[in-house]
């Protein structure tokens, strides 16, 4: 049974009412297992102070739960991030006598329009999420697994351990995989899912991997583990940008943005812009100090941290 990853947008520690608290840094994980169904709930702990916290949680999510007790600029920003991240399934919980007519203008034209409104009842929400997890099918492809690292550390008696979600393919115990962008080949010593030892993991699974052949200090969040041959690491990329409707003016060369892809949130500079009559859909070239790790066709979310009000710029599709 695959794992369902859910971002929680709502009151602090809302996830602990549903699952058991796990790793907590700038993103906090809560885990629930019932029978064969497993849930991983993710809260952006440092948001709104750190926009990256919201991005990381959204990038990991298959589904969203948004608890709305008032309409704020932060709610609007969360809606824009989820829309750019294409988190197309979810639930809305309305509080303080809010109704659908009040939130309709905020979600119009976004993926959030597809979310279901459910009662403010934790039991109803928990059962709905478990039912969704049960309905998932396992993608048992034999394509190489792709695992971006979100946490890494040394465990006494075990060695180097990383935490991450399988984004594609299958990872097996004893696989020989490459650490990007280091180019170093290592071995998967063991795999855990929800504290259970397993021999393999599939897309959506949240895993802990014990690694042989590398030290925890050599790793960083955003590094990618895979034996897939189509993973690229580059300090310059070119693609077509799609700017959100609320962004007020054309992007400018030399502007500093932050690119979010998988578990990377990297500063980049706009080196070149080629407009074809529509500045909201221009071709741009971005340069990075650290390599961006991606596949052909990857969708990258662009952020502008100097913005006082609007910090979500849009997306760029890489060739």
Protein backbone atom coordinates (compact mmCIF):
# COMPACT_ATOMS: atom_id res chain seq x y z
CA UNK A 1 0.00 0.00 0.00
CA UNK A 2 1.48 3.39 -0.97
CA UNK A 3 1.84 6.27 1.45
CA UNK A 4 -0.27 9.43 1.16
CA UNK A 5 1.60 12.71 1.80
CA UNK A 6 -0.56 15.63 2.96
CA UNK A 7 0.40 19.26 3.58
CA UNK A 8 -1.47 20.86 6.47
CA UNK A 9 -2.23 24.58 6.20
CA UNK A 10 -3.82 25.61 9.46
CA UNK A 11 -3.27 26.11 13.19
CA UNK A 12 0.13 25.18 14.60
CA UNK A 13 0.41 21.50 15.55
CA UNK A 14 -2.90 20.64 13.88
CA UNK A 15 -1.24 17.48 12.56
CA UNK A 16 -0.67 16.07 16.05
CA UNK A 17 -4.43 15.64 16.38
CA UNK A 18 -4.27 13.10 13.57
CA UNK A 19 -0.86 11.44 13.64
CA UNK A 20 2.22 10.82 15.77
CA UNK A 21 4.83 13.58 15.63
CA UNK A 22 8.06 12.66 13.89
CA UNK A 23 10.95 14.73 12.53
CA UNK A 24 10.54 18.45 13.21
CA UNK A 25 12.74 21.24 11.84
CA UNK A 26 11.44 23.93 9.48
CA UNK A 27 8.93 21.28 8.37
CA UNK A 28 7.22 18.92 10.81
CA UNK A 29 6.04 15.41 10.01
CA UNK A 30 3.19 13.48 11.63
CA UNK A 31 2.64 9.81 10.81
CA UNK A 32 -0.40 7.58 10.98
CA UNK A 33 -0.69 3.90 10.10
CA UNK A 34 -3.94 1.96 10.22
CA UNK A 35 -3.88 -1.49 8.71
CA UNK A 36 -2.20 -1.18 5.33
CA UNK A 37 -2.99 2.55 4.98
CA UNK A 38 -0.26 5.03 5.91
CA UNK A 39 -0.35 8.83 6.08
CA UNK A 40 2.42 11.40 6.34
CA UNK A 41 1.18 14.87 7.30
CA UNK A 42 3.55 17.78 6.73
CA UNK A 43 3.34 21.20 8.38
CA UNK A 44 5.40 24.23 7.24
CA UNK A 45 6.62 24.98 10.78
CA UNK A 46 8.60 28.13 9.99
CA UNK A 47 6.06 29.71 7.64
CA UNK A 48 5.33 32.62 7.15
CA UNK A 49 8.76 33.73 8.42
CA UNK A 50 10.45 31.37 5.92
CA UNK A 51 8.71 30.96 2.58
CA UNK A 52 10.98 27.97 1.93
CA UNK A 53 9.18 26.12 4.74
CA UNK A 54 5.89 26.42 2.83
CA UNK A 55 7.56 25.43 -0.44
CA UNK A 56 9.18 22.29 1.01
CA UNK A 57 5.90 21.10 2.54
CA UNK A 58 4.00 21.75 -0.69
CA UNK A 59 6.63 20.04 -2.83
CA UNK A 60 6.28 16.83 -0.80
CA UNK A 61 2.49 16.76 -0.90
CA UNK A 62 0.07 14.63 -2.90
CA UNK A 63 -2.86 16.29 -1.17
CA UNK A 64 -3.63 19.32 1.02
CA UNK A 65 -5.80 20.08 4.03
CA UNK A 66 -6.51 23.79 4.50
CA UNK A 67 -8.12 24.94 7.74
CA UNK A 68 -9.50 28.46 7.25
CA UNK A 69 -10.62 30.51 10.24
CA UNK A 70 -10.10 33.90 8.59
CA UNK A 71 -9.15 35.30 5.21
CA UNK A 72 -5.61 36.69 5.23
CA UNK A 73 -2.75 37.51 2.86
CA UNK A 74 -0.98 34.39 4.13
CA UNK A 75 -3.93 32.24 3.07
CA UNK A 76 -3.72 33.78 -0.40
CA UNK A 77 0.00 33.04 -0.57
CA UNK A 78 -0.58 29.41 0.45
CA UNK A 79 -3.23 29.04 -2.26
CA UNK A 80 -0.81 30.41 -4.87
CA UNK A 81 1.98 28.05 -3.74
CA UNK A 82 -0.28 24.99 -3.81
CA UNK A 83 -1.54 25.99 -7.24
CA UNK A 84 2.00 26.36 -8.62
CA UNK A 85 2.95 23.03 -7.01
CA UNK A 86 -0.10 21.45 -8.70
CA UNK A 87 -1.42 19.90 -5.49
CA UNK A 88 -4.76 19.19 -7.13
CA UNK A 89 -6.51 17.16 -4.40
CA UNK A 90 -7.46 18.27 -0.93
CA UNK A 91 -9.95 19.26 1.73
CA UNK A 92 -11.14 22.64 3.02
CA UNK A 93 -12.31 23.09 6.60
CA UNK A 94 -14.13 26.38 7.23
CA UNK A 95 -14.32 27.90 10.71
CA UNK A 96 -15.74 31.04 12.35
CA UNK A 97 -18.90 30.95 10.23
CA UNK A 98 -17.02 31.36 6.95
CA UNK A 99 -18.87 30.02 3.92
CA UNK A 100 -17.98 29.09 0.37
CA UNK A 101 -19.07 32.43 -1.08
CA UNK A 102 -16.38 34.20 0.97
CA UNK A 103 -13.51 32.00 -0.19
CA UNK A 104 -14.70 31.49 -3.78
CA UNK A 105 -12.92 34.61 -5.14
CA UNK A 106 -9.63 33.45 -3.58
CA UNK A 107 -9.65 29.99 -5.12
CA UNK A 108 -11.23 30.77 -8.49
CA UNK A 109 -9.08 29.47 -11.34
CA UNK A 110 -6.80 27.46 -9.03
CA UNK A 111 -6.55 23.75 -8.23
CA UNK A 112 -8.11 24.53 -4.84
CA UNK A 113 -11.49 24.87 -6.59
CA UNK A 114 -11.43 21.07 -6.81
CA UNK A 115 -10.98 20.55 -3.05
CA UNK A 116 -13.85 19.09 -1.02
CA UNK A 117 -15.34 21.03 1.88
CA UNK A 118 -15.75 18.81 4.93
CA UNK A 119 -16.99 19.42 8.50
CA UNK A 120 -14.63 20.67 11.21
CA UNK A 121 -14.41 17.22 12.76
CA UNK A 122 -11.08 15.46 13.23
CA UNK A 123 -12.64 12.01 13.04
CA UNK A 124 -14.27 12.83 9.71
CA UNK A 125 -10.98 14.19 8.36
CA UNK A 126 -8.93 11.25 9.63
CA UNK A 127 -11.28 8.69 8.10
CA UNK A 128 -11.41 10.59 4.80
CA UNK A 129 -7.61 10.66 4.55
CA UNK A 130 -7.30 6.98 5.45
CA UNK A 131 -9.90 6.15 2.81
CA UNK A 132 -7.94 8.17 0.25
CA UNK A 133 -4.75 6.32 1.21
CA UNK A 134 -6.48 2.96 0.91
CA UNK A 135 -7.68 3.85 -2.59
CA UNK A 136 -4.15 4.54 -3.84
CA UNK A 137 -2.54 2.01 -6.14
CA UNK A 138 1.12 0.99 -5.89
CA UNK A 139 3.23 1.99 -8.89
CA UNK A 140 5.59 -0.98 -8.89
CA UNK A 141 7.70 0.23 -11.78
CA UNK A 142 11.22 -1.11 -12.03
CA UNK A 143 12.54 2.27 -13.12
CA UNK A 144 15.29 3.50 -10.78
CA UNK A 145 14.08 5.22 -7.65
CA UNK A 146 14.56 8.98 -7.22
CA UNK A 147 14.85 10.16 -3.60
CA UNK A 148 15.56 13.84 -2.79
CA UNK A 149 17.02 14.21 0.71
CA UNK A 150 15.13 16.35 3.22
CA UNK A 151 17.03 15.32 6.38
CA UNK A 152 20.33 13.51 7.00
CA UNK A 153 22.22 12.49 10.13
CA UNK A 154 24.42 9.88 11.72
CA UNK A 155 22.85 7.13 13.84
CA UNK A 156 25.06 5.33 16.35
CA UNK A 157 25.53 1.72 15.35
CA UNK A 158 23.95 2.26 11.93
CA UNK A 159 25.88 5.09 10.28
CA UNK A 160 24.58 7.57 7.73
CA UNK A 161 20.79 7.81 7.48
CA UNK A 162 18.72 10.03 5.19
CA UNK A 163 15.02 10.79 5.18
CA UNK A 164 13.08 11.55 2.03
CA UNK A 165 10.12 10.69 -0.17
CA UNK A 166 10.43 8.48 -3.23
CA UNK A 167 9.47 10.79 -6.11
CA UNK A 168 9.55 8.17 -8.87
CA UNK A 169 10.64 4.61 -9.54
CA UNK A 170 11.54 1.90 -7.03
CA UNK A 171 14.42 1.77 -4.58
CA UNK A 172 15.63 -1.62 -3.32
CA UNK A 173 17.74 -2.70 -0.39
CA UNK A 174 21.36 -3.09 -1.56
CA UNK A 175 20.83 -0.85 -4.62
CA UNK A 176 23.93 0.93 -5.89
CA UNK A 177 22.90 4.56 -6.38
CA UNK A 178 24.53 7.90 -7.14
CA UNK A 179 24.44 10.97 -4.95
CA UNK A 180 23.76 14.05 -7.10
CA UNK A 181 25.40 16.49 -7.53
CA UNK A 182 28.44 14.78 -5.93
CA UNK A 183 28.56 11.99 -8.51
CA UNK A 184 29.48 9.54 -5.74
CA UNK A 185 28.20 5.94 -5.89
CA UNK A 186 26.96 4.45 -2.61
CA UNK A 187 24.88 1.49 -1.43
CA UNK A 188 21.46 1.39 0.22
CA UNK A 189 22.17 -0.69 3.33
CA UNK A 190 18.56 -0.82 4.58
CA UNK A 191 15.14 0.79 4.10
CA UNK A 192 12.50 1.73 6.66
CA UNK A 193 8.91 2.88 6.09
CA UNK A 194 6.94 4.01 9.15
CA UNK A 195 9.54 2.30 11.40
CA UNK A 196 9.19 -1.04 9.58
CA UNK A 197 12.13 -2.65 7.76
CA UNK A 198 11.27 -3.30 4.11
CA UNK A 199 13.13 -4.55 1.05
CA UNK A 200 11.87 -1.90 -1.38
CA UNK A 201 9.96 1.38 -1.60
CA UNK A 202 7.75 2.97 -4.26
CA UNK A 203 6.58 6.45 -5.36
CA UNK A 204 5.01 8.35 -2.46
CA UNK A 205 6.70 6.27 0.23
CA UNK A 206 8.38 8.23 3.00
CA UNK A 207 11.58 6.38 3.73
CA UNK A 208 14.61 6.29 5.95
CA UNK A 209 17.61 4.91 4.09
CA UNK A 210 20.75 3.69 5.83
CA UNK A 211 23.64 4.33 3.43
CA UNK A 212 27.03 2.71 3.00
CA UNK A 213 29.94 4.59 1.48
CA UNK A 214 29.25 8.18 2.52
CA UNK A 215 29.26 10.32 5.67
CA UNK A 216 26.27 12.36 6.81
CA UNK A 217 28.42 15.50 6.77
CA UNK A 218 28.99 15.04 3.03
CA UNK A 219 25.27 15.36 2.33
CA UNK A 220 22.89 18.30 2.16
CA UNK A 221 19.16 18.83 1.88
CA UNK A 222 18.19 18.77 -1.78
CA UNK A 223 20.80 16.23 -2.84
CA UNK A 224 19.21 13.45 -4.88
CA UNK A 225 19.82 9.70 -4.64
CA UNK A 226 19.19 7.70 -7.82
CA UNK A 227 20.67 5.46 -10.47
CA UNK A 228 18.46 7.04 -13.14
CA UNK A 229 20.50 8.15 -16.15
CA UNK A 230 18.43 11.24 -17.00
CA UNK A 231 19.18 13.28 -13.86
CA UNK A 232 21.02 16.51 -14.64
CA UNK A 233 22.96 18.91 -12.41
CA UNK A 234 23.51 22.37 -13.93
CA UNK A 235 24.39 25.89 -12.84
CA UNK A 236 22.45 27.41 -15.74
CA UNK A 237 19.04 26.50 -17.14
CA UNK A 238 16.72 27.97 -19.77
CA UNK A 239 12.99 27.46 -19.98
CA UNK A 240 9.59 29.08 -20.45
CA UNK A 241 8.29 31.00 -17.45
CA UNK A 242 4.57 31.17 -16.61
CA UNK A 243 3.97 34.16 -14.35
CA UNK A 244 0.90 34.20 -12.09
CA UNK A 245 -1.88 36.69 -12.99
CA UNK A 246 -1.32 38.76 -9.82
CA UNK A 247 2.34 39.51 -10.55
CA UNK A 248 2.35 43.22 -11.44
CA UNK A 249 5.24 43.77 -13.89
CA UNK A 250 7.70 42.05 -16.23
CA UNK A 251 10.71 40.29 -14.77
CA UNK A 252 14.05 42.01 -15.28
CA UNK A 253 17.51 40.74 -16.09
CA UNK A 254 19.81 40.45 -13.02
CA UNK A 255 16.79 40.02 -10.76
CA UNK A 256 17.37 37.51 -7.90
CA UNK A 257 14.73 34.81 -7.53
CA UNK A 258 14.54 31.56 -5.56
CA UNK A 259 13.92 28.36 -7.49
CA UNK A 260 12.08 25.50 -5.81
CA UNK A 261 12.45 22.00 -7.24
CA UNK A 262 12.12 18.76 -5.26
CA UNK A 263 13.87 19.56 -1.95
CA UNK A 264 15.93 22.42 -3.37
CA UNK A 265 15.24 26.12 -2.71
CA UNK A 266 18.10 27.89 -4.44
CA UNK A 267 18.87 31.54 -5.20
CA UNK A 268 19.29 32.28 -8.88
CA UNK A 269 19.83 35.27 -11.14
CA UNK A 270 17.95 36.05 -14.33
CA UNK A 271 20.68 36.24 -16.98
CA UNK A 272 18.51 36.64 -20.08
CA UNK A 273 14.87 37.23 -20.97
CA UNK A 274 13.43 36.68 -24.45
CA UNK A 275 9.85 37.93 -24.80
CA UNK A 276 7.60 36.74 -27.59
CA UNK A 277 4.88 39.34 -27.23
CA UNK A 278 3.74 38.17 -23.79
CA UNK A 279 5.98 38.93 -20.80
CA UNK A 280 4.04 36.48 -18.65
CA UNK A 281 5.23 33.64 -20.87
CA UNK A 282 8.81 34.57 -21.79
CA UNK A 283 11.88 32.41 -22.20
CA UNK A 284 14.36 33.07 -19.41
CA UNK A 285 17.83 31.86 -18.51
CA UNK A 286 18.65 31.40 -14.81
CA UNK A 287 22.12 31.02 -13.31
CA UNK A 288 22.85 29.36 -9.95
CA UNK A 289 25.84 29.31 -7.61
CA UNK A 290 24.93 25.71 -6.67
CA UNK A 291 23.86 23.17 -9.25
CA UNK A 292 20.15 22.63 -9.78
CA UNK A 293 19.31 18.90 -9.89
CA UNK A 294 16.42 18.02 -12.21
CA UNK A 295 15.01 15.86 -14.98
CA UNK A 296 13.94 16.94 -18.45
CA UNK A 297 10.45 18.43 -18.24
CA UNK A 298 10.78 19.38 -14.57
CA UNK A 299 8.53 22.12 -13.20
CA UNK A 300 10.32 24.71 -11.04
CA UNK A 301 8.49 27.21 -8.80
CA UNK A 302 9.93 30.73 -8.74
CA UNK A 303 9.80 32.94 -5.64
CA UNK A 304 10.81 36.55 -4.95
CA UNK A 305 11.81 37.03 -1.33
CA UNK A 306 12.21 40.82 -1.56
CA UNK A 307 8.51 41.25 -2.24
CA UNK A 308 6.67 42.92 0.64
CA UNK A 309 3.31 41.47 -0.35
CA UNK A 310 3.59 39.05 -3.25
CA UNK A 311 6.36 36.43 -3.05
CA UNK A 312 5.14 33.79 -5.50
CA UNK A 313 6.23 34.59 -9.07
CA UNK A 314 5.18 31.57 -11.09
CA UNK A 315 6.73 28.47 -12.64
CA UNK A 316 9.29 27.60 -15.26
CA UNK A 317 9.15 24.47 -17.39
CA UNK A 318 12.58 23.04 -18.12
CA UNK A 319 13.23 21.40 -21.52
